[in-house]
């Protein structure tokens, strides 16, 4: 049984994001047999092939119990046993679909998130989607950074490309590299266009540049 910490990524607005808050998706859980009574399954979250969190899931009657170690920053670890109720709805072509009932608000949801001590839905955790409030260049840069994580490179498109990760097939590396370069080019092009629009709107900006102890006004394009 692994642990869950307290540090997740935040957007520029200061909100933590769903992508970095350890999502637990009941659809994937169903596919791997994690809703079958009499068995338990493990669930892990990884970044660059490194496990950053893990839990054990024990299905019951109309519920699953999540068991994991929670380690708040600067405090001792504790083992959490969190029951999460389940419900089902009928499908149009027969059968049924399973849902979590959010432990905080009781709303039917497909995904709950492990940011903080207990799992709950996105709204109860106050999580934002990374795409919310983004400009086109920010969105492309975020997609490039997602690929940089997979490649094990330092985040930030201005850092340039890195090397192939050890053990990664060349075909995979070339595919990810091509996708990364596409998003970098898209981000820089959108950024250049946005800056050009700002220039067209506001024109030259007058600034004071100190020269020999005196301030001289110059126009900066």
C-alpha atoms as a PDB file:
ATOM      1  CA  UNK A   1       0.000   0.000   0.000  1.00  0.00           C
ATOM      2  CA  UNK A   2       1.479   3.277  -1.100  1.00  0.00           C
ATOM      3  CA  UNK A   3       0.816   6.809   0.007  1.00  0.00           C
ATOM      4  CA  UNK A   4      -0.922   9.977  -1.021  1.00  0.00           C
ATOM      5  CA  UNK A   5       0.702  13.319  -0.340  1.00  0.00           C
ATOM      6  CA  UNK A   6      -0.622  16.833  -0.237  1.00  0.00           C
ATOM      7  CA  UNK A   7       1.147  18.659  -3.080  1.00  0.00           C
ATOM      8  CA  UNK A   8      -0.670  18.963  -6.401  1.00  0.00           C
ATOM      9  CA  UNK A   9      -0.155  21.207  -9.404  1.00  0.00           C
ATOM     10  CA  UNK A  10      -2.028  24.511  -9.592  1.00  0.00           C
ATOM     11  CA  UNK A  11      -3.284  26.591 -12.482  1.00  0.00           C
ATOM     12  CA  UNK A  12      -2.291  30.217 -12.986  1.00  0.00           C
ATOM     13  CA  UNK A  13      -5.511  31.107 -11.138  1.00  0.00           C
ATOM     14  CA  UNK A  14      -4.202  29.276  -8.058  1.00  0.00           C
ATOM     15  CA  UNK A  15      -6.635  26.361  -8.291  1.00  0.00           C
ATOM     16  CA  UNK A  16      -5.401  22.782  -8.188  1.00  0.00           C
ATOM     17  CA  UNK A  17      -6.133  20.859 -11.384  1.00  0.00           C
ATOM     18  CA  UNK A  18      -7.906  17.571 -11.979  1.00  0.00           C
ATOM     19  CA  UNK A  19      -4.991  16.154 -13.986  1.00  0.00           C
ATOM     20  CA  UNK A  20      -2.591  16.312 -11.031  1.00  0.00           C
ATOM     21  CA  UNK A  21      -5.012  15.407  -8.221  1.00  0.00           C
ATOM     22  CA  UNK A  22      -4.966  11.593  -8.450  1.00  0.00           C
ATOM     23  CA  UNK A  23      -8.260  10.857 -10.253  1.00  0.00           C
ATOM     24  CA  UNK A  24     -10.023   7.545  -9.581  1.00  0.00           C
ATOM     25  CA  UNK A  25     -12.275   6.703 -12.542  1.00  0.00           C
ATOM     26  CA  UNK A  26     -15.018   4.138 -11.921  1.00  0.00           C
ATOM     27  CA  UNK A  27     -15.149   3.228 -15.634  1.00  0.00           C
ATOM     28  CA  UNK A  28     -11.540   2.107 -15.603  1.00  0.00           C
ATOM     29  CA  UNK A  29     -12.071   0.474 -12.214  1.00  0.00           C
ATOM     30  CA  UNK A  30     -14.927  -1.552 -13.714  1.00  0.00           C
ATOM     31  CA  UNK A  31     -12.783  -2.609 -16.692  1.00  0.00           C
ATOM     32  CA  UNK A  32     -10.066  -4.049 -14.446  1.00  0.00           C
ATOM     33  CA  UNK A  33     -12.568  -5.930 -12.271  1.00  0.00           C
ATOM     34  CA  UNK A  34     -12.278  -3.569  -9.343  1.00  0.00           C
ATOM     35  CA  UNK A  35     -16.012  -3.718  -8.569  1.00  0.00           C
ATOM     36  CA  UNK A  36     -16.230  -7.483  -8.145  1.00  0.00           C
ATOM     37  CA  UNK A  37     -16.901  -8.607  -4.583  1.00  0.00           C
ATOM     38  CA  UNK A  38     -14.458 -11.002  -3.002  1.00  0.00           C
ATOM     39  CA  UNK A  39     -11.338  -9.508  -4.498  1.00  0.00           C
ATOM     40  CA  UNK A  40      -9.226  -6.385  -4.161  1.00  0.00           C
ATOM     41  CA  UNK A  41      -7.262  -4.413  -6.713  1.00  0.00           C
ATOM     42  CA  UNK A  42      -4.369  -1.993  -6.547  1.00  0.00           C
ATOM     43  CA  UNK A  43      -4.390   1.412  -8.203  1.00  0.00           C
ATOM     44  CA  UNK A  44      -1.338   3.568  -8.909  1.00  0.00           C
ATOM     45  CA  UNK A  45      -0.625   7.039 -10.245  1.00  0.00           C
ATOM     46  CA  UNK A  46       2.690   7.591 -12.023  1.00  0.00           C
ATOM     47  CA  UNK A  47       4.692  10.499 -13.397  1.00  0.00           C
ATOM     48  CA  UNK A  48       7.557   9.629 -15.754  1.00  0.00           C
ATOM     49  CA  UNK A  49       7.135   5.951 -14.769  1.00  0.00           C
ATOM     50  CA  UNK A  50       7.633   6.868 -11.094  1.00  0.00           C
ATOM     51  CA  UNK A  51       4.821   5.932  -8.694  1.00  0.00           C
ATOM     52  CA  UNK A  52       3.573   9.089  -6.929  1.00  0.00           C
ATOM     53  CA  UNK A  53       0.592   7.518  -5.151  1.00  0.00           C
ATOM     54  CA  UNK A  54      -1.192   4.206  -4.726  1.00  0.00           C
ATOM     55  CA  UNK A  55      -4.237   2.755  -2.988  1.00  0.00           C
ATOM     56  CA  UNK A  56      -5.925  -0.623  -2.439  1.00  0.00           C
ATOM     57  CA  UNK A  57      -9.608  -0.971  -3.327  1.00  0.00           C
ATOM     58  CA  UNK A  58     -11.917  -3.486  -1.615  1.00  0.00           C
ATOM     59  CA  UNK A  59     -15.385  -3.913  -3.246  1.00  0.00           C
ATOM     60  CA  UNK A  60     -18.407  -4.650  -1.073  1.00  0.00           C
ATOM     61  CA  UNK A  61     -22.205  -4.577  -1.433  1.00  0.00           C
ATOM     62  CA  UNK A  62     -23.004  -1.225  -3.006  1.00  0.00           C
ATOM     63  CA  UNK A  63     -19.709   0.237  -1.857  1.00  0.00           C
ATOM     64  CA  UNK A  64     -15.943   0.175  -2.239  1.00  0.00           C
ATOM     65  CA  UNK A  65     -13.427   0.860   0.501  1.00  0.00           C
ATOM     66  CA  UNK A  66     -10.297   2.798  -0.386  1.00  0.00           C
ATOM     67  CA  UNK A  67      -7.292   1.967   1.773  1.00  0.00           C
ATOM     68  CA  UNK A  68      -4.176   4.110   1.557  1.00  0.00           C
ATOM     69  CA  UNK A  69      -1.520   5.875   3.550  1.00  0.00           C
ATOM     70  CA  UNK A  70      -1.899   9.638   3.784  1.00  0.00           C
ATOM     71  CA  UNK A  71       1.195  11.695   4.556  1.00  0.00           C
ATOM     72  CA  UNK A  72       0.509  15.401   5.166  1.00  0.00           C
ATOM     73  CA  UNK A  73       3.480  17.665   4.790  1.00  0.00           C
ATOM     74  CA  UNK A  74       5.551  17.757   7.971  1.00  0.00           C
ATOM     75  CA  UNK A  75       3.253  15.361   9.887  1.00  0.00           C
ATOM     76  CA  UNK A  76       3.250  11.591  10.532  1.00  0.00           C
ATOM     77  CA  UNK A  77       1.523   9.253   8.089  1.00  0.00           C
ATOM     78  CA  UNK A  78      -1.866   7.700   8.811  1.00  0.00           C
ATOM     79  CA  UNK A  79      -3.694   4.791   7.196  1.00  0.00           C
ATOM     80  CA  UNK A  80      -7.077   5.835   5.790  1.00  0.00           C
ATOM     81  CA  UNK A  81     -10.027   3.468   5.259  1.00  0.00           C
ATOM     82  CA  UNK A  82     -12.559   5.474   3.245  1.00  0.00           C
ATOM     83  CA  UNK A  83     -15.849   3.842   2.180  1.00  0.00           C
ATOM     84  CA  UNK A  84     -17.394   5.221  -1.014  1.00  0.00           C
ATOM     85  CA  UNK A  85     -20.991   4.314  -1.873  1.00  0.00           C
ATOM     86  CA  UNK A  86     -21.918   3.153  -5.384  1.00  0.00           C
ATOM     87  CA  UNK A  87     -25.061   3.385  -7.463  1.00  0.00           C
ATOM     88  CA  UNK A  88     -26.106   2.238 -10.937  1.00  0.00           C
ATOM     89  CA  UNK A  89     -28.227   3.570 -13.784  1.00  0.00           C
ATOM     90  CA  UNK A  90     -29.686   1.533 -16.673  1.00  0.00           C
ATOM     91  CA  UNK A  91     -28.094   1.796 -20.107  1.00  0.00           C
ATOM     92  CA  UNK A  92     -30.201   2.404 -23.220  1.00  0.00           C
ATOM     93  CA  UNK A  93     -29.142  -0.880 -24.856  1.00  0.00           C
ATOM     94  CA  UNK A  94     -29.392  -2.978 -21.716  1.00  0.00           C
ATOM     95  CA  UNK A  95     -27.182  -3.534 -18.713  1.00  0.00           C
ATOM     96  CA  UNK A  96     -26.268  -0.852 -16.206  1.00  0.00           C
ATOM     97  CA  UNK A  97     -23.583   1.721 -15.512  1.00  0.00           C
ATOM     98  CA  UNK A  98     -21.876   2.176 -12.167  1.00  0.00           C
ATOM     99  CA  UNK A  99     -21.233   5.508 -10.446  1.00  0.00           C
ATOM    100  CA  UNK A 100     -19.567   6.784  -7.309  1.00  0.00           C
ATOM    101  CA  UNK A 101     -21.679   8.750  -4.859  1.00  0.00           C
ATOM    102  CA  UNK A 102     -19.403  11.588  -3.773  1.00  0.00           C
ATOM    103  CA  UNK A 103     -18.591  11.083  -0.065  1.00  0.00           C
ATOM    104  CA  UNK A 104     -18.870  14.842   0.503  1.00  0.00           C
ATOM    105  CA  UNK A 105     -22.023  15.905  -1.381  1.00  0.00           C
ATOM    106  CA  UNK A 106     -23.658  12.614  -2.427  1.00  0.00           C
ATOM    107  CA  UNK A 107     -23.726  13.562  -6.104  1.00  0.00           C
ATOM    108  CA  UNK A 108     -23.433  10.801  -8.707  1.00  0.00           C
ATOM    109  CA  UNK A 109     -20.030  11.064 -10.418  1.00  0.00           C
ATOM    110  CA  UNK A 110     -17.744   8.923 -12.557  1.00  0.00           C
ATOM    111  CA  UNK A 111     -14.498  10.296 -11.087  1.00  0.00           C
ATOM    112  CA  UNK A 112     -13.392  11.188  -7.565  1.00  0.00           C
ATOM    113  CA  UNK A 113     -10.085  12.840  -6.693  1.00  0.00           C
ATOM    114  CA  UNK A 114      -7.446  12.089  -4.067  1.00  0.00           C
ATOM    115  CA  UNK A 115      -6.166  15.564  -3.318  1.00  0.00           C
ATOM    116  CA  UNK A 116      -6.030  16.137   0.436  1.00  0.00           C
ATOM    117  CA  UNK A 117      -6.912  13.550   3.073  1.00  0.00           C
ATOM    118  CA  UNK A 118     -10.103  12.076   1.535  1.00  0.00           C
ATOM    119  CA  UNK A 119     -11.469  11.436  -1.948  1.00  0.00           C
ATOM    120  CA  UNK A 120     -14.387  13.529  -3.257  1.00  0.00           C
ATOM    121  CA  UNK A 121     -15.745  14.908  -6.531  1.00  0.00           C
ATOM    122  CA  UNK A 122     -14.187  17.754  -8.513  1.00  0.00           C
ATOM    123  CA  UNK A 123     -16.623  20.403  -7.308  1.00  0.00           C
ATOM    124  CA  UNK A 124     -16.219  19.486  -3.637  1.00  0.00           C
ATOM    125  CA  UNK A 125     -12.429  19.589  -3.999  1.00  0.00           C
ATOM    126  CA  UNK A 126     -12.563  22.926  -5.825  1.00  0.00           C
ATOM    127  CA  UNK A 127     -10.535  21.563  -8.733  1.00  0.00           C
ATOM    128  CA  UNK A 128     -10.251  23.222 -12.120  1.00  0.00           C
ATOM    129  CA  UNK A 129      -9.680  21.630 -15.481  1.00  0.00           C
ATOM    130  CA  UNK A 130      -6.315  22.728 -16.821  1.00  0.00           C
ATOM    131  CA  UNK A 131      -8.003  24.087 -19.938  1.00  0.00           C
ATOM    132  CA  UNK A 132     -10.206  26.546 -18.014  1.00  0.00           C
ATOM    133  CA  UNK A 133      -9.285  30.171 -18.563  1.00  0.00           C
ATOM    134  CA  UNK A 134      -6.336  29.360 -20.829  1.00  0.00           C
ATOM    135  CA  UNK A 135      -5.278  31.306 -23.875  1.00  0.00           C
ATOM    136  CA  UNK A 136      -4.435  29.357 -27.026  1.00  0.00           C
ATOM    137  CA  UNK A 137      -0.677  29.652 -26.418  1.00  0.00           C
ATOM    138  CA  UNK A 138      -1.043  28.540 -22.778  1.00  0.00           C
ATOM    139  CA  UNK A 139      -3.110  25.538 -23.857  1.00  0.00           C
ATOM    140  CA  UNK A 140      -0.528  24.466 -26.448  1.00  0.00           C
ATOM    141  CA  UNK A 141       2.294  24.979 -23.927  1.00  0.00           C
ATOM    142  CA  UNK A 142       0.445  22.831 -21.359  1.00  0.00           C
ATOM    143  CA  UNK A 143       0.028  20.042 -23.909  1.00  0.00           C
ATOM    144  CA  UNK A 144       3.721  20.284 -24.721  1.00  0.00           C
ATOM    145  CA  UNK A 145       4.552  20.088 -21.006  1.00  0.00           C
ATOM    146  CA  UNK A 146       2.414  16.971 -20.674  1.00  0.00           C
ATOM    147  CA  UNK A 147       4.582  15.352 -23.345  1.00  0.00           C
ATOM    148  CA  UNK A 148       7.729  16.638 -21.600  1.00  0.00           C
ATOM    149  CA  UNK A 149       6.594  14.771 -18.468  1.00  0.00           C
ATOM    150  CA  UNK A 150       6.315  11.549 -20.456  1.00  0.00           C
ATOM    151  CA  UNK A 151       9.744  12.137 -21.947  1.00  0.00           C
ATOM    152  CA  UNK A 152      11.305  12.948 -18.578  1.00  0.00           C
ATOM    153  CA  UNK A 153      12.343  16.448 -19.635  1.00  0.00           C
ATOM    154  CA  UNK A 154      12.384  19.622 -17.568  1.00  0.00           C
ATOM    155  CA  UNK A 155       9.036  21.414 -17.876  1.00  0.00           C
ATOM    156  CA  UNK A 156       8.850  24.630 -19.863  1.00  0.00           C
ATOM    157  CA  UNK A 157       8.909  24.864 -23.657  1.00  0.00           C
ATOM    158  CA  UNK A 158      11.706  27.456 -23.612  1.00  0.00           C
ATOM    159  CA  UNK A 159      14.041  24.847 -22.099  1.00  0.00           C
ATOM    160  CA  UNK A 160      14.296  23.119 -25.457  1.00  0.00           C
ATOM    161  CA  UNK A 161      14.119  19.383 -26.193  1.00  0.00           C
ATOM    162  CA  UNK A 162      15.929  16.791 -24.118  1.00  0.00           C
ATOM    163  CA  UNK A 163      17.215  13.279 -24.750  1.00  0.00           C
ATOM    164  CA  UNK A 164      15.373  10.022 -25.270  1.00  0.00           C
ATOM    165  CA  UNK A 165      14.372   8.399 -21.984  1.00  0.00           C
ATOM    166  CA  UNK A 166      16.215   5.188 -21.143  1.00  0.00           C
ATOM    167  CA  UNK A 167      14.235   2.165 -22.308  1.00  0.00           C
ATOM    168  CA  UNK A 168      11.890   4.136 -24.576  1.00  0.00           C
ATOM    169  CA  UNK A 169      11.553   2.812 -28.124  1.00  0.00           C
ATOM    170  CA  UNK A 170      12.859   5.131 -30.820  1.00  0.00           C
ATOM    171  CA  UNK A 171       9.537   4.990 -32.658  1.00  0.00           C
ATOM    172  CA  UNK A 172       7.718   6.175 -29.530  1.00  0.00           C
ATOM    173  CA  UNK A 173      10.322   8.865 -28.909  1.00  0.00           C
ATOM    174  CA  UNK A 174      10.084  10.220 -32.457  1.00  0.00           C
ATOM    175  CA  UNK A 175       6.270  10.274 -32.274  1.00  0.00           C
ATOM    176  CA  UNK A 176       6.249  12.149 -28.959  1.00  0.00           C
ATOM    177  CA  UNK A 177       8.992  14.493 -30.173  1.00  0.00           C
ATOM    178  CA  UNK A 178       6.982  15.383 -33.294  1.00  0.00           C
ATOM    179  CA  UNK A 179       3.888  16.066 -31.177  1.00  0.00           C
ATOM    180  CA  UNK A 180       5.945  18.170 -28.770  1.00  0.00           C
ATOM    181  CA  UNK A 181       7.436  20.280 -31.569  1.00  0.00           C
ATOM    182  CA  UNK A 182       3.950  20.822 -33.022  1.00  0.00           C
ATOM    183  CA  UNK A 183       2.606  22.177 -29.724  1.00  0.00           C
ATOM    184  CA  UNK A 184       5.722  24.310 -29.170  1.00  0.00           C
ATOM    185  CA  UNK A 185       5.356  25.868 -32.622  1.00  0.00           C
ATOM    186  CA  UNK A 186       1.636  26.430 -32.033  1.00  0.00           C
ATOM    187  CA  UNK A 187       2.270  28.061 -28.649  1.00  0.00           C
ATOM    188  CA  UNK A 188       4.979  30.399 -29.979  1.00  0.00           C
ATOM    189  CA  UNK A 189       2.894  31.329 -33.028  1.00  0.00           C
ATOM    190  CA  UNK A 190      -0.150  32.155 -30.858  1.00  0.00           C
ATOM    191  CA  UNK A 191       2.042  34.101 -28.451  1.00  0.00           C
ATOM    192  CA  UNK A 192       3.562  36.132 -31.293  1.00  0.00           C
ATOM    193  CA  UNK A 193       0.106  36.852 -32.702  1.00  0.00           C
ATOM    194  CA  UNK A 194      -1.217  37.922 -29.287  1.00  0.00           C
ATOM    195  CA  UNK A 195       1.734  40.256 -28.711  1.00  0.00           C
ATOM    196  CA  UNK A 196       1.239  41.703 -32.185  1.00  0.00           C
ATOM    197  CA  UNK A 197      -2.405  42.433 -31.427  1.00  0.00           C
ATOM    198  CA  UNK A 198      -1.398  44.180 -28.215  1.00  0.00           C
ATOM    199  CA  UNK A 199       1.071  46.318 -30.142  1.00  0.00           C
ATOM    200  CA  UNK A 200      -1.576  47.232 -32.721  1.00  0.00           C
ATOM    201  CA  UNK A 201      -3.965  48.205 -29.946  1.00  0.00           C
ATOM    202  CA  UNK A 202      -1.663  50.228 -27.714  1.00  0.00           C
ATOM    203  CA  UNK A 203       1.105  51.314 -30.099  1.00  0.00           C
ATOM    204  CA  UNK A 204       4.555  52.241 -28.852  1.00  0.00           C
ATOM    205  CA  UNK A 205       5.117  52.494 -25.096  1.00  0.00           C
ATOM    206  CA  UNK A 206       7.189  55.358 -23.753  1.00  0.00           C
ATOM    207  CA  UNK A 207       9.656  54.351 -21.022  1.00  0.00           C
ATOM    208  CA  UNK A 208      12.339  56.195 -19.069  1.00  0.00           C
ATOM    209  CA  UNK A 209      15.836  54.812 -19.548  1.00  0.00           C
ATOM    210  CA  UNK A 210      18.520  56.123 -17.133  1.00  0.00           C
ATOM    211  CA  UNK A 211      21.511  57.522 -19.013  1.00  0.00           C
ATOM    212  CA  UNK A 212      24.408  59.047 -17.090  1.00  0.00           C
ATOM    213  CA  UNK A 213      22.247  59.709 -14.046  1.00  0.00           C
ATOM    214  CA  UNK A 214      19.463  61.311 -16.139  1.00  0.00           C
ATOM    215  CA  UNK A 215      16.215  59.830 -17.403  1.00  0.00           C
ATOM    216  CA  UNK A 216      15.776  59.872 -21.164  1.00  0.00           C
ATOM    217  CA  UNK A 217      12.397  58.991 -22.708  1.00  0.00           C
ATOM    218  CA  UNK A 218      12.481  56.376 -25.448  1.00  0.00           C
ATOM    219  CA  UNK A 219       9.763  54.688 -27.482  1.00  0.00           C
ATOM    220  CA  UNK A 220       9.774  50.913 -27.109  1.00  0.00           C
ATOM    221  CA  UNK A 221       8.030  49.015 -29.892  1.00  0.00           C
END
